[in-house]
N, C-alpha and C. Protein backbone atom coordinates (compact mmCIF):
# COMPACT_ATOMS: atom_id res chain seq x y z
N MET A 1 232.36 -45.19 53.58
CA MET A 1 231.63 -44.66 52.44
C MET A 1 230.87 -43.41 52.89
N ASN A 2 230.79 -42.44 52.02
CA ASN A 2 230.11 -41.18 52.32
C ASN A 2 228.59 -41.37 52.38
N THR A 3 227.94 -40.49 53.12
CA THR A 3 226.49 -40.47 53.17
C THR A 3 225.98 -39.55 52.07
N PRO A 4 225.01 -40.00 51.28
CA PRO A 4 224.49 -39.14 50.21
C PRO A 4 223.87 -37.86 50.75
N THR A 5 224.15 -36.75 50.13
CA THR A 5 223.56 -35.49 50.53
C THR A 5 222.63 -34.93 49.46
N SER A 6 222.80 -35.36 48.22
CA SER A 6 221.99 -34.84 47.13
C SER A 6 221.45 -35.99 46.29
N TRP A 7 220.14 -36.20 46.40
CA TRP A 7 219.48 -37.27 45.65
C TRP A 7 218.86 -36.71 44.39
N LYS A 8 218.97 -37.45 43.30
CA LYS A 8 218.36 -37.05 42.03
C LYS A 8 217.27 -38.05 41.68
N ARG A 9 216.13 -37.52 41.28
CA ARG A 9 214.97 -38.34 40.95
C ARG A 9 214.89 -38.52 39.43
N SER A 10 214.45 -39.68 39.02
CA SER A 10 214.30 -39.98 37.60
C SER A 10 213.35 -39.01 36.92
N SER A 11 213.65 -38.66 35.68
CA SER A 11 212.74 -37.81 34.91
C SER A 11 211.51 -38.60 34.46
N HIS A 12 211.53 -39.92 34.64
CA HIS A 12 210.41 -40.79 34.29
C HIS A 12 209.65 -41.23 35.53
N SER A 13 209.53 -40.33 36.51
CA SER A 13 208.97 -40.72 37.81
C SER A 13 207.46 -40.70 37.87
N GLY A 14 206.80 -40.42 36.79
CA GLY A 14 205.34 -40.46 36.79
C GLY A 14 204.71 -39.15 37.19
N GLY A 15 203.38 -39.16 37.25
CA GLY A 15 202.64 -37.94 37.56
C GLY A 15 202.50 -37.72 39.04
N GLY A 16 201.64 -36.81 39.39
CA GLY A 16 201.40 -36.50 40.80
C GLY A 16 202.63 -35.92 41.45
N GLU A 17 202.98 -36.44 42.60
CA GLU A 17 204.14 -35.95 43.33
C GLU A 17 205.43 -36.58 42.82
N GLY A 18 205.34 -37.49 41.87
CA GLY A 18 206.54 -38.11 41.34
C GLY A 18 207.21 -39.06 42.30
N ASN A 19 206.43 -39.71 43.14
CA ASN A 19 206.99 -40.59 44.16
C ASN A 19 207.04 -42.06 43.73
N ASP A 20 206.83 -42.32 42.47
CA ASP A 20 206.80 -43.70 41.99
C ASP A 20 208.08 -43.99 41.22
N CYS A 21 209.21 -43.85 41.88
CA CYS A 21 210.48 -44.02 41.17
C CYS A 21 211.61 -44.32 42.15
N VAL A 22 212.79 -44.34 41.63
CA VAL A 22 213.98 -44.46 42.46
C VAL A 22 214.74 -43.14 42.42
N GLU A 23 215.58 -42.95 43.40
CA GLU A 23 216.45 -41.78 43.45
C GLU A 23 217.89 -42.28 43.49
N VAL A 24 218.80 -41.50 42.91
CA VAL A 24 220.20 -41.89 42.82
C VAL A 24 221.05 -40.76 43.38
N ALA A 25 222.11 -41.13 44.11
CA ALA A 25 223.06 -40.15 44.63
C ALA A 25 224.48 -40.60 44.29
N ASP A 26 225.31 -39.64 43.92
CA ASP A 26 226.71 -39.91 43.58
C ASP A 26 227.56 -39.85 44.85
N LEU A 27 228.28 -40.94 45.12
CA LEU A 27 229.15 -41.02 46.31
C LEU A 27 230.62 -41.05 45.91
N ASP A 28 230.98 -40.42 44.81
CA ASP A 28 232.33 -40.40 44.26
C ASP A 28 232.72 -41.74 43.65
N THR A 29 232.93 -42.77 44.46
CA THR A 29 233.35 -44.07 43.93
C THR A 29 232.20 -45.03 43.73
N HIS A 30 231.04 -44.71 44.27
CA HIS A 30 229.85 -45.57 44.17
C HIS A 30 228.62 -44.72 43.89
N LEU A 31 227.53 -45.39 43.53
CA LEU A 31 226.24 -44.74 43.37
C LEU A 31 225.28 -45.37 44.38
N ALA A 32 224.50 -44.55 45.04
CA ALA A 32 223.51 -45.03 45.99
C ALA A 32 222.13 -44.93 45.34
N VAL A 33 221.28 -45.92 45.59
CA VAL A 33 219.94 -45.97 45.02
C VAL A 33 218.96 -46.25 46.15
N ARG A 34 217.84 -45.51 46.15
CA ARG A 34 216.79 -45.74 47.15
C ARG A 34 215.42 -45.57 46.50
N ASP A 35 214.41 -46.08 47.16
CA ASP A 35 213.02 -45.97 46.72
C ASP A 35 212.48 -44.63 47.19
N SER A 36 211.95 -43.83 46.27
CA SER A 36 211.47 -42.50 46.65
C SER A 36 210.25 -42.55 47.57
N LYS A 37 209.51 -43.66 47.57
CA LYS A 37 208.34 -43.78 48.45
C LYS A 37 208.74 -44.00 49.90
N THR A 38 209.91 -44.60 50.11
CA THR A 38 210.39 -44.88 51.47
C THR A 38 211.87 -44.50 51.59
N PRO A 39 212.18 -43.21 51.53
CA PRO A 39 213.57 -42.79 51.51
C PRO A 39 214.37 -43.09 52.79
N ALA A 40 213.69 -43.29 53.90
CA ALA A 40 214.39 -43.57 55.15
C ALA A 40 214.79 -45.04 55.28
N ARG A 41 214.30 -45.88 54.37
CA ARG A 41 214.62 -47.31 54.43
C ARG A 41 215.95 -47.58 53.76
N ALA A 42 216.18 -48.80 53.40
CA ALA A 42 217.46 -49.26 52.89
C ALA A 42 217.92 -48.52 51.63
N VAL A 43 219.23 -48.36 51.54
CA VAL A 43 219.89 -47.78 50.37
C VAL A 43 220.80 -48.86 49.80
N VAL A 44 220.76 -49.02 48.50
CA VAL A 44 221.62 -49.99 47.82
C VAL A 44 222.74 -49.21 47.14
N THR A 45 223.98 -49.70 47.25
CA THR A 45 225.09 -49.02 46.59
C THR A 45 225.70 -49.93 45.53
N PHE A 46 226.14 -49.31 44.46
CA PHE A 46 226.77 -49.99 43.34
C PHE A 46 228.06 -49.26 42.99
N SER A 47 229.05 -50.00 42.49
CA SER A 47 230.18 -49.31 41.87
C SER A 47 229.65 -48.70 40.57
N ALA A 48 230.33 -47.71 40.03
CA ALA A 48 229.87 -47.09 38.79
C ALA A 48 229.78 -48.13 37.67
N PHE A 49 230.74 -49.04 37.61
CA PHE A 49 230.74 -50.08 36.58
C PHE A 49 229.53 -51.00 36.73
N ALA A 50 229.24 -51.43 37.96
CA ALA A 50 228.11 -52.34 38.20
C ALA A 50 226.78 -51.64 37.90
N PHE A 51 226.67 -50.35 38.24
CA PHE A 51 225.44 -49.63 37.97
C PHE A 51 225.21 -49.48 36.47
N ALA A 52 226.27 -49.17 35.74
CA ALA A 52 226.16 -49.05 34.28
C ALA A 52 225.72 -50.38 33.66
N ALA A 53 226.27 -51.49 34.14
CA ALA A 53 225.88 -52.80 33.63
C ALA A 53 224.42 -53.10 33.97
N PHE A 54 223.99 -52.71 35.16
CA PHE A 54 222.60 -52.91 35.58
C PHE A 54 221.65 -52.13 34.66
N VAL A 55 221.95 -50.87 34.39
CA VAL A 55 221.10 -50.04 33.53
C VAL A 55 221.09 -50.61 32.11
N GLU A 56 222.22 -51.03 31.60
CA GLU A 56 222.27 -51.62 30.26
C GLU A 56 221.40 -52.87 30.19
N GLY A 57 221.39 -53.65 31.25
CA GLY A 57 220.57 -54.85 31.30
C GLY A 57 219.08 -54.56 31.28
N LEU A 58 218.69 -53.39 31.75
CA LEU A 58 217.28 -53.01 31.77
C LEU A 58 216.80 -52.46 30.43
N LYS A 59 217.69 -51.94 29.64
CA LYS A 59 217.30 -51.36 28.35
C LYS A 59 216.70 -52.42 27.45
N GLY A 60 215.64 -52.05 26.78
CA GLY A 60 215.00 -52.96 25.85
C GLY A 60 214.05 -53.96 26.48
N ARG A 61 213.96 -53.98 27.81
CA ARG A 61 213.01 -54.87 28.47
C ARG A 61 211.64 -54.23 28.47
N PRO A 62 210.59 -55.02 28.31
CA PRO A 62 209.24 -54.44 28.31
C PRO A 62 208.90 -53.87 29.68
N ARG A 63 208.17 -52.76 29.69
CA ARG A 63 207.72 -52.13 30.94
C ARG A 63 206.53 -52.88 31.47
N ARG A 64 206.38 -52.91 32.75
CA ARG A 64 205.23 -53.57 33.40
C ARG A 64 204.24 -52.55 33.86
């Protein structure tokens, strides 16, 4: 699997430095996700189908 070179931050990342969010990178066949507060730590990868299902599952849920 390729190493992500370009991370994109959510447009809903909050104020300040915008470090209260996740970042996503496109790896052609998969998507990589990491915590913007600790980018050197673990990266989770999803197939495009699994990531889409994950995002759909989050829609409509109350924010905490």
